[in-house]
Amino acid sequence: MDSLKIKSLEDRDLGQVLAIEEEAFSNPWSFSTFIKELHNNYAYYLVGLIEDELVGYLGCWLLCNEVHITTLAVKKEYRCQGIATQLLDELFTNVKKANYQKVSLEVRASNNRAQKLYKQAGFIKVGRKQEYYSDDQEDAIVMWKQL
């Protein structure tokens, strides 16, 4: 596999991000949601590229001393190749430099693969939100990582 280049999300990346979003999630975000996120001063997005192909992305909000991951997805044919881990590592490096102290997220209770990824990245399970997801009322597992 060619090396992954990580950069900030730009308007021109949205088409490829939306394609991954629709492939990865049962209730994908819309184009207008991503436009709002892209222009939200509290939102921070990274994308991973192999050559010119966008293969994954990560989004979060920067709140006081905490970073809250809102989304993370990798293109189907590139999963299990370390791309999500590299995106997380880049996020941790960047937000640590800006003196953020904690990273939080919610993940579907049924998404064991993502929970394993987050545990390997140093997150711990700290709670559960009942019927968190609006599309099917699935519970969310709340996880934190201290930086």
Foldseek 3Di string as FASTA:
>chain_A
DADKDKDWDDPVCLVLVQVQQVVPDPDGDDSVVVVCLVPDPQKTKMFIDRPNHTFWMWMWGHDDLEIETDDITGRPVCPPVCPSVVNVVVVVVVSVVVRRFKYKYKDFPPCPVVVVVVVVVAKDFDDKAALPDPVPRTIITMIMHTD
